[in-house]
Amino acid sequence: MKRFLSRVALITGGASGIGRAAAIGFAREGAHAVIVDLNGEQAAAVVEEIRSQGGCASARQADAASEEAISSVVHETVSEFGRLDIAFNNVGFGGAPLPLHEMHVERWDAVMNLCLRGCWLAMKHELRAMMAGAGGVIVNTASMAGVRVTSTAPADYAVAKAGVLHLTRYAAEAYAACNIRVNSVSPGLTATPAVSRTLTIEQQQAHAARSQLFARAALPEEIAASVLFLCSDEAAMITGTNMEVCGGKIGG
């Protein structure tokens, strides 16, 4: 199935985890995947992986929290391919759980700048490119931490992702007349490289058993599958929606 034949898909945070899985999926289904990541070597490795499978991809090293960088990436993409059809804004990080009264302003600002400000900056320039064309689709990575208060997610990350949810809904309403759909996905516990560096398989399973109906971490490919669906023509009447891909969340 080639749901994205001849389309151009830009993926921020595309060098690992959910972003990597989405980039491979877009390319497998016919898109040219533009992989944007601060880690240029890792992004280039994903491009080679895609090309070895017969797909089309290119890499851009950029800091998603920099407006100059993300503006240049979008401009270069449109200049090279003549269009931007799909954007998956996936950059984000959260630190270790820490009480609000013990957080430093530097950490709060760093998380907000990347998770929320970075999402807005990417959307700002992606929307301009799509408005100049025939429209498009944007999917933002939010989080179940932004949907519900949990004991495991730090407040700065949770608040930033809650902001992503509202930003998504706002943009969906504001740009529907431009033929632009905007949705988000909220993963639960996902076995990304970042999670695997901090939690063992046993710890992941224990956490999932406490908070999910399916007692395991999701695979990055399982989250990516939802992203691809939301970006496809099958989801043509879906906008302003948050898809919870969390194994059936049941609590904190």
C-alpha atoms as a PDB file:
ATOM      1  CA  MET A   1       0.000   0.000   0.000  1.00  0.00           C
ATOM      2  CA  LYS A   2       1.393   3.410  -1.040  1.00  0.00           C
ATOM      3  CA  ARG A   3      -0.734   5.892   0.884  1.00  0.00           C
ATOM      4  CA  PHE A   4       1.826   8.694   0.540  1.00  0.00           C
ATOM      5  CA  LEU A   5       3.029   8.251  -3.016  1.00  0.00           C
ATOM      6  CA  SER A   6       4.863  11.380  -4.267  1.00  0.00           C
ATOM      7  CA  ARG A   7       4.195  13.290  -1.037  1.00  0.00           C
ATOM      8  CA  VAL A   8       6.798  15.103   1.032  1.00  0.00           C
ATOM      9  CA  ALA A   9       6.842  14.403   4.773  1.00  0.00           C
ATOM     10  CA  LEU A  10       8.977  16.354   7.245  1.00  0.00           C
ATOM     11  CA  ILE A  11       9.714  14.648  10.561  1.00  0.00           C
ATOM     12  CA  THR A  12      11.368  16.505  13.435  1.00  0.00           C
ATOM     13  CA  GLY A  13      13.121  14.287  15.932  1.00  0.00           C
ATOM     14  CA  GLY A  14      13.256  11.723  13.152  1.00  0.00           C
ATOM     15  CA  ALA A  15      16.579  10.082  13.990  1.00  0.00           C
ATOM     16  CA  SER A  16      15.383   7.731  16.719  1.00  0.00           C
ATOM     17  CA  GLY A  17      12.388   6.256  18.499  1.00  0.00           C
ATOM     18  CA  ILE A  18       8.932   7.208  17.284  1.00  0.00           C
ATOM     19  CA  GLY A  19      10.290   9.712  14.755  1.00  0.00           C
ATOM     20  CA  ARG A  20      12.550   7.126  13.143  1.00  0.00           C
ATOM     21  CA  ALA A  21       9.709   4.600  12.952  1.00  0.00           C
ATOM     22  CA  ALA A  22       7.426   7.192  11.362  1.00  0.00           C
ATOM     23  CA  ALA A  23      10.062   8.279   8.834  1.00  0.00           C
ATOM     24  CA  ILE A  24      10.612   4.665   7.759  1.00  0.00           C
ATOM     25  CA  GLY A  25       6.851   4.166   7.513  1.00  0.00           C
ATOM     26  CA  PHE A  26       6.275   7.277   5.411  1.00  0.00           C
ATOM     27  CA  ALA A  27       9.077   6.295   3.028  1.00  0.00           C
ATOM     28  CA  ARG A  28       7.889   2.701   2.791  1.00  0.00           C
ATOM     29  CA  GLU A  29       4.504   4.005   1.662  1.00  0.00           C
ATOM     30  CA  GLY A  30       5.876   6.272  -1.046  1.00  0.00           C
ATOM     31  CA  ALA A  31       6.725   9.594   0.595  1.00  0.00           C
ATOM     32  CA  HIS A  32      10.035  11.387   0.498  1.00  0.00           C
ATOM     33  CA  ALA A  33      10.913  11.561   4.214  1.00  0.00           C
ATOM     34  CA  VAL A  34      12.834  14.653   5.315  1.00  0.00           C
ATOM     35  CA  ILE A  35      14.422  13.691   8.627  1.00  0.00           C
ATOM     36  CA  VAL A  36      15.233  16.615  10.895  1.00  0.00           C
ATOM     37  CA  ASP A  37      17.298  16.030  14.020  1.00  0.00           C
ATOM     38  CA  LEU A  38      19.982  17.654  16.131  1.00  0.00           C
ATOM     39  CA  ASN A  39      21.988  14.449  15.728  1.00  0.00           C
ATOM     40  CA  GLY A  40      23.021  14.709  12.094  1.00  0.00           C
ATOM     41  CA  GLU A  41      24.934  11.418  12.014  1.00  0.00           C
ATOM     42  CA  GLN A  42      22.013   9.470  13.384  1.00  0.00           C
ATOM     43  CA  ALA A  43      19.618  11.161  10.942  1.00  0.00           C
ATOM     44  CA  ALA A  44      21.930  10.252   8.068  1.00  0.00           C
ATOM     45  CA  ALA A  45      21.971   6.640   9.258  1.00  0.00           C
ATOM     46  CA  VAL A  46      18.160   6.504   9.103  1.00  0.00           C
ATOM     47  CA  VAL A  47      18.299   7.917   5.569  1.00  0.00           C
ATOM     48  CA  GLU A  48      20.697   5.154   4.531  1.00  0.00           C
ATOM     49  CA  GLU A  49      18.428   2.561   6.133  1.00  0.00           C
ATOM     50  CA  ILE A  50      15.447   3.900   4.176  1.00  0.00           C
ATOM     51  CA  ARG A  51      17.365   4.024   0.907  1.00  0.00           C
ATOM     52  CA  SER A  52      18.613   0.470   1.400  1.00  0.00           C
ATOM     53  CA  GLN A  53      14.956  -0.585   1.446  1.00  0.00           C
ATOM     54  CA  GLY A  54      14.222   1.287  -1.777  1.00  0.00           C
ATOM     55  CA  GLY A  55      12.685   4.372  -0.166  1.00  0.00           C
ATOM     56  CA  CYS A  56      13.409   8.070  -0.592  1.00  0.00           C
ATOM     57  CA  ALA A  57      14.733  10.225   2.237  1.00  0.00           C
ATOM     58  CA  SER A  58      17.071  13.057   3.098  1.00  0.00           C
ATOM     59  CA  ALA A  59      18.468  14.413   6.361  1.00  0.00           C
ATOM     60  CA  ARG A  60      18.696  17.905   7.831  1.00  0.00           C
ATOM     61  CA  GLN A  61      20.673  18.627  10.984  1.00  0.00           C
ATOM     62  CA  ALA A  62      18.853  21.324  12.926  1.00  0.00           C
ATOM     63  CA  ASP A  63      17.903  22.479  16.401  1.00  0.00           C
ATOM     64  CA  ALA A  64      14.108  22.344  16.534  1.00  0.00           C
ATOM     65  CA  ALA A  65      14.095  25.014  19.262  1.00  0.00           C
ATOM     66  CA  SER A  66      15.720  27.534  16.886  1.00  0.00           C
ATOM     67  CA  GLU A  67      13.389  29.507  14.650  1.00  0.00           C
ATOM     68  CA  GLU A  68      16.183  30.259  12.196  1.00  0.00           C
ATOM     69  CA  ALA A  69      17.021  26.560  11.911  1.00  0.00           C
ATOM     70  CA  ILE A  70      13.472  25.256  11.488  1.00  0.00           C
ATOM     71  CA  SER A  71      12.570  28.075   9.095  1.00  0.00           C
ATOM     72  CA  SER A  72      15.569  27.170   6.930  1.00  0.00           C
ATOM     73  CA  VAL A  73      14.652  23.473   6.955  1.00  0.00           C
ATOM     74  CA  VAL A  74      11.089  24.150   5.796  1.00  0.00           C
ATOM     75  CA  HIS A  75      12.265  26.652   3.176  1.00  0.00           C
ATOM     76  CA  GLU A  76      14.898  24.221   1.839  1.00  0.00           C
ATOM     77  CA  THR A  77      12.351  21.415   1.703  1.00  0.00           C
ATOM     78  CA  VAL A  78       9.862  23.456  -0.323  1.00  0.00           C
ATOM     79  CA  SER A  79      12.622  24.810  -2.560  1.00  0.00           C
ATOM     80  CA  GLU A  80      13.901  21.313  -3.317  1.00  0.00           C
ATOM     81  CA  PHE A  81      10.616  19.427  -3.689  1.00  0.00           C
ATOM     82  CA  GLY A  82       8.170  22.207  -4.506  1.00  0.00           C
ATOM     83  CA  ARG A  83       5.795  21.301  -1.683  1.00  0.00           C
ATOM     84  CA  LEU A  84       5.282  20.195   1.906  1.00  0.00           C
ATOM     85  CA  ASP A  85       2.390  17.771   2.354  1.00  0.00           C
ATOM     86  CA  ILE A  86       2.964  16.284   5.796  1.00  0.00           C
ATOM     87  CA  ALA A  87       4.681  17.402   8.988  1.00  0.00           C
ATOM     88  CA  PHE A  88       5.199  15.238  12.052  1.00  0.00           C
ATOM     89  CA  ASN A  89       6.468  17.351  14.949  1.00  0.00           C
ATOM     90  CA  ASN A  90       7.983  14.824  17.302  1.00  0.00           C
ATOM     91  CA  VAL A  91      10.767  16.615  19.179  1.00  0.00           C
ATOM     92  CA  GLY A  92      10.587  16.638  22.957  1.00  0.00           C
ATOM     93  CA  PHE A  93      12.180  15.463  26.169  1.00  0.00           C
ATOM     94  CA  GLY A  94      11.453  15.316  29.871  1.00  0.00           C
ATOM     95  CA  GLY A  95      13.756  15.062  32.838  1.00  0.00           C
ATOM     96  CA  ALA A  96      13.498  12.890  35.919  1.00  0.00           C
ATOM     97  CA  PRO A  97      10.423  13.406  38.133  1.00  0.00           C
ATOM     98  CA  LEU A  98      11.029  16.312  40.471  1.00  0.00           C
ATOM     99  CA  PRO A  99       8.702  18.231  42.814  1.00  0.00           C
ATOM    100  CA  LEU A 100       7.579  21.615  41.538  1.00  0.00           C
ATOM    101  CA  HIS A 101       9.181  23.445  44.440  1.00  0.00           C
ATOM    102  CA  GLU A 102      12.576  21.925  43.672  1.00  0.00           C
ATOM    103  CA  MET A 103      12.680  22.680  39.935  1.00  0.00           C
ATOM    104  CA  HIS A 104      15.177  25.195  38.624  1.00  0.00           C
ATOM    105  CA  VAL A 105      13.996  27.796  36.141  1.00  0.00           C
ATOM    106  CA  GLU A 106      16.659  26.670  33.670  1.00  0.00           C
ATOM    107  CA  ARG A 107      15.192  23.181  33.477  1.00  0.00           C
ATOM    108  CA  TRP A 108      11.616  24.479  33.216  1.00  0.00           C
ATOM    109  CA  ASP A 109      12.576  26.811  30.381  1.00  0.00           C
ATOM    110  CA  ALA A 110      14.558  24.132  28.528  1.00  0.00           C
ATOM    111  CA  VAL A 111      11.620  21.705  28.530  1.00  0.00           C
ATOM    112  CA  MET A 112       9.124  24.408  27.547  1.00  0.00           C
ATOM    113  CA  ASN A 113      11.393  25.720  24.792  1.00  0.00           C
ATOM    114  CA  LEU A 114      11.779  22.359  23.092  1.00  0.00           C
ATOM    115  CA  CYS A 115       8.459  20.639  23.766  1.00  0.00           C
ATOM    116  CA  LEU A 116       6.041  23.563  23.371  1.00  0.00           C
ATOM    117  CA  ARG A 117       7.864  26.502  21.802  1.00  0.00           C
ATOM    118  CA  GLY A 118       9.622  24.133  19.388  1.00  0.00           C
ATOM    119  CA  CYS A 119       6.296  22.650  18.311  1.00  0.00           C
ATOM    120  CA  TRP A 120       4.835  26.120  17.737  1.00  0.00           C
ATOM    121  CA  LEU A 121       7.890  27.274  15.763  1.00  0.00           C
ATOM    122  CA  ALA A 122       7.739  24.227  13.494  1.00  0.00           C
ATOM    123  CA  MET A 123       3.999  24.683  12.945  1.00  0.00           C
ATOM    124  CA  LYS A 124       4.435  28.374  12.216  1.00  0.00           C
ATOM    125  CA  HIS A 125       6.642  27.684   9.217  1.00  0.00           C
ATOM    126  CA  GLU A 126       4.963  24.441   8.148  1.00  0.00           C
ATOM    127  CA  LEU A 127       1.578  26.189   8.060  1.00  0.00           C
ATOM    128  CA  ARG A 128       2.979  28.949   5.864  1.00  0.00           C
ATOM    129  CA  ALA A 129       4.340  26.388   3.413  1.00  0.00           C
ATOM    130  CA  MET A 130       1.084  24.453   3.338  1.00  0.00           C
ATOM    131  CA  MET A 131      -1.024  27.581   2.928  1.00  0.00           C
ATOM    132  CA  ALA A 132       1.098  28.529  -0.082  1.00  0.00           C
ATOM    133  CA  GLY A 133       0.366  25.103  -1.576  1.00  0.00           C
ATOM    134  CA  ALA A 134      -2.713  22.928  -1.624  1.00  0.00           C
ATOM    135  CA  GLY A 135      -2.920  22.365   2.124  1.00  0.00           C
ATOM    136  CA  GLY A 136      -1.525  19.521   4.153  1.00  0.00           C
ATOM    137  CA  VAL A 137      -1.509  17.546   7.380  1.00  0.00           C
ATOM    138  CA  ILE A 138       0.278  18.178  10.666  1.00  0.00           C
ATOM    139  CA  VAL A 139       0.559  15.714  13.538  1.00  0.00           C
ATOM    140  CA  ASN A 140       2.143  16.717  16.848  1.00  0.00           C
ATOM    141  CA  THR A 141       3.482  14.345  19.478  1.00  0.00           C
ATOM    142  CA  ALA A 142       1.790  15.143  22.762  1.00  0.00           C
ATOM    143  CA  SER A 143       1.731  12.698  25.691  1.00  0.00           C
ATOM    144  CA  MET A 144      -0.605  11.005  28.119  1.00  0.00           C
ATOM    145  CA  ALA A 145       1.244  13.102  30.683  1.00  0.00           C
ATOM    146  CA  GLY A 146      -0.454  16.127  29.134  1.00  0.00           C
ATOM    147  CA  VAL A 147      -3.857  14.432  29.226  1.00  0.00           C
ATOM    148  CA  ARG A 148      -3.860  13.250  32.834  1.00  0.00           C
ATOM    149  CA  VAL A 149      -1.794  14.023  35.904  1.00  0.00           C
ATOM    150  CA  THR A 150       0.408  11.066  36.757  1.00  0.00           C
ATOM    151  CA  SER A 151       2.914  10.379  39.510  1.00  0.00           C
ATOM    152  CA  THR A 152       5.639   9.458  37.025  1.00  0.00           C
ATOM    153  CA  ALA A 153       5.741  12.453  34.667  1.00  0.00           C
ATOM    154  CA  PRO A 154       7.487  15.654  35.764  1.00  0.00           C
ATOM    155  CA  ALA A 155       5.327  18.776  35.891  1.00  0.00           C
ATOM    156  CA  ASP A 156       7.319  20.763  33.322  1.00  0.00           C
ATOM    157  CA  TYR A 157       6.973  18.036  30.685  1.00  0.00           C
ATOM    158  CA  ALA A 158       3.297  17.429  31.497  1.00  0.00           C
ATOM    159  CA  VAL A 159       2.423  21.123  31.269  1.00  0.00           C
ATOM    160  CA  ALA A 160       4.358  21.519  28.004  1.00  0.00           C
ATOM    161  CA  LYS A 161       2.557  18.563  26.437  1.00  0.00           C
ATOM    162  CA  ALA A 162      -0.809  19.870  27.656  1.00  0.00           C
ATOM    163  CA  GLY A 163       0.105  23.038  25.782  1.00  0.00           C
ATOM    164  CA  VAL A 164       0.800  20.992  22.656  1.00  0.00           C
ATOM    165  CA  LEU A 165      -2.703  19.504  22.916  1.00  0.00           C
ATOM    166  CA  HIS A 166      -4.343  22.932  23.060  1.00  0.00           C
ATOM    167  CA  LEU A 167      -2.066  24.330  20.342  1.00  0.00           C
ATOM    168  CA  THR A 168      -3.147  21.433  18.123  1.00  0.00           C
ATOM    169  CA  ARG A 169      -6.850  22.117  18.687  1.00  0.00           C
ATOM    170  CA  TYR A 170      -6.363  25.839  18.141  1.00  0.00           C
ATOM    171  CA  ALA A 171      -4.541  25.330  14.841  1.00  0.00           C
ATOM    172  CA  ALA A 172      -7.072  22.762  13.625  1.00  0.00           C
ATOM    173  CA  GLU A 173      -9.860  25.299  13.951  1.00  0.00           C
ATOM    174  CA  ALA A 174      -7.848  28.223  12.619  1.00  0.00           C
ATOM    175  CA  TYR A 175      -6.545  26.526   9.446  1.00  0.00           C
ATOM    176  CA  ALA A 176      -9.302  24.139   8.395  1.00  0.00           C
ATOM    177  CA  ALA A 177     -10.403  26.648   5.748  1.00  0.00           C
ATOM    178  CA  CYS A 178      -6.902  26.352   4.240  1.00  0.00           C
ATOM    179  CA  ASN A 179      -7.337  22.585   3.774  1.00  0.00           C
ATOM    180  CA  ILE A 180      -4.916  21.851   6.594  1.00  0.00           C
ATOM    181  CA  ARG A 181      -5.667  19.150   9.143  1.00  0.00           C
ATOM    182  CA  VAL A 182      -3.939  19.234  12.544  1.00  0.00           C
ATOM    183  CA  ASN A 183      -4.036  16.378  15.040  1.00  0.00           C
ATOM    184  CA  SER A 184      -1.929  14.954  17.846  1.00  0.00           C
ATOM    185  CA  VAL A 185      -0.985  11.578  19.246  1.00  0.00           C
ATOM    186  CA  SER A 186      -0.482  10.966  22.960  1.00  0.00           C
ATOM    187  CA  PRO A 187       1.746   7.958  23.585  1.00  0.00           C
ATOM    188  CA  GLY A 188       1.821   6.205  26.897  1.00  0.00           C
ATOM    189  CA  LEU A 189       4.897   4.287  27.981  1.00  0.00           C
ATOM    190  CA  THR A 190       6.862   3.568  24.798  1.00  0.00           C
ATOM    191  CA  ALA A 191      10.028   1.511  24.409  1.00  0.00           C
ATOM    192  CA  THR A 192      12.108   4.233  22.785  1.00  0.00           C
ATOM    193  CA  PRO A 193      15.887   4.304  23.210  1.00  0.00           C
ATOM    194  CA  ALA A 194      15.506   7.113  25.766  1.00  0.00           C
ATOM    195  CA  VAL A 195      13.105   5.051  27.886  1.00  0.00           C
ATOM    196  CA  SER A 196      15.213   1.918  27.543  1.00  0.00           C
ATOM    197  CA  ARG A 197      18.232   3.820  28.866  1.00  0.00           C
ATOM    198  CA  THR A 198      16.398   4.645  32.098  1.00  0.00           C
ATOM    199  CA  LEU A 199      14.026   1.706  32.660  1.00  0.00           C
ATOM    200  CA  THR A 200      14.740  -2.002  32.355  1.00  0.00           C
ATOM    201  CA  ILE A 201      12.225  -4.260  30.583  1.00  0.00           C
ATOM    202  CA  GLU A 202      11.045  -5.463  34.000  1.00  0.00           C
ATOM    203  CA  GLN A 203      10.555  -1.887  35.223  1.00  0.00           C
ATOM    204  CA  GLN A 204       8.662  -0.994  32.057  1.00  0.00           C
ATOM    205  CA  GLN A 205       6.359  -3.971  32.511  1.00  0.00           C
ATOM    206  CA  ALA A 206       5.760  -3.131  36.161  1.00  0.00           C
ATOM    207  CA  HIS A 207       4.893   0.461  35.299  1.00  0.00           C
ATOM    208  CA  ALA A 208       2.576  -0.650  32.497  1.00  0.00           C
ATOM    209  CA  ALA A 209       0.847  -3.181  34.740  1.00  0.00           C
ATOM    210  CA  ARG A 210      -0.002  -0.412  37.208  1.00  0.00           C
ATOM    211  CA  SER A 211      -1.375   2.051  34.685  1.00  0.00           C
ATOM    212  CA  GLN A 212      -2.487   0.287  31.479  1.00  0.00           C
ATOM    213  CA  LEU A 213      -4.869  -2.416  30.356  1.00  0.00           C
ATOM    214  CA  PHE A 214      -2.095  -3.881  28.190  1.00  0.00           C
ATOM    215  CA  ALA A 215       0.793  -4.475  30.553  1.00  0.00           C
ATOM    216  CA  ARG A 216       3.707  -3.662  28.281  1.00  0.00           C
ATOM    217  CA  ALA A 217       5.392  -0.675  26.711  1.00  0.00           C
ATOM    218  CA  ALA A 218       4.272   0.249  23.206  1.00  0.00           C
ATOM    219  CA  LEU A 219       6.730  -0.178  20.370  1.00  0.00           C
ATOM    220  CA  PRO A 220       7.734   2.986  18.490  1.00  0.00           C
ATOM    221  CA  GLU A 221       6.279   1.400  15.343  1.00  0.00           C
ATOM    222  CA  GLU A 222       2.886   1.111  17.057  1.00  0.00           C
ATOM    223  CA  ILE A 223       2.813   4.838  17.792  1.00  0.00           C
ATOM    224  CA  ALA A 224       4.060   5.590  14.280  1.00  0.00           C
ATOM    225  CA  ALA A 225       1.218   3.542  12.779  1.00  0.00           C
ATOM    226  CA  SER A 226      -1.276   5.937  14.367  1.00  0.00           C
ATOM    227  CA  VAL A 227       0.673   8.917  13.038  1.00  0.00           C
ATOM    228  CA  LEU A 228       0.617   7.477   9.518  1.00  0.00           C
ATOM    229  CA  PHE A 229      -3.123   6.865   9.741  1.00  0.00           C
ATOM    230  CA  LEU A 230      -3.805  10.460  10.814  1.00  0.00           C
ATOM    231  CA  CYS A 231      -1.679  11.726   7.915  1.00  0.00           C
ATOM    232  CA  SER A 232      -3.397   9.516   5.349  1.00  0.00           C
ATOM    233  CA  ASP A 233      -6.457  10.163   3.200  1.00  0.00           C
ATOM    234  CA  GLU A 234      -8.258   7.584   5.318  1.00  0.00           C
ATOM    235  CA  ALA A 235      -8.371  10.248   8.047  1.00  0.00           C
ATOM    236  CA  ALA A 236      -9.589  13.002   5.709  1.00  0.00           C
ATOM    237  CA  MET A 237     -12.396  13.999   8.095  1.00  0.00           C
ATOM    238  CA  ILE A 238     -10.299  13.920  11.264  1.00  0.00           C
ATOM    239  CA  THR A 239      -8.879  17.186  12.598  1.00  0.00           C
ATOM    240  CA  GLY A 240      -8.479  18.729  16.029  1.00  0.00           C
ATOM    241  CA  THR A 241      -8.292  15.244  17.535  1.00  0.00           C
ATOM    242  CA  ASN A 242      -5.897  13.709  20.027  1.00  0.00           C
ATOM    243  CA  MET A 243      -5.355   9.981  19.619  1.00  0.00           C
ATOM    244  CA  GLU A 244      -4.397   8.249  22.867  1.00  0.00           C
ATOM    245  CA  VAL A 245      -2.046   5.376  22.010  1.00  0.00           C
ATOM    246  CA  CYS A 246      -1.382   4.166  25.506  1.00  0.00           C
ATOM    247  CA  GLY A 247      -2.445   0.561  25.953  1.00  0.00           C
ATOM    248  CA  GLY A 248      -5.697   1.577  27.614  1.00  0.00           C
ATOM    249  CA  LYS A 249      -4.790   4.115  30.290  1.00  0.00           C
ATOM    250  CA  ILE A 250      -6.365   3.325  33.663  1.00  0.00           C
ATOM    251  CA  GLY A 251      -4.638   5.668  36.072  1.00  0.00           C
ATOM    252  CA  GLY A 252      -1.407   7.203  37.303  1.00  0.00           C
END
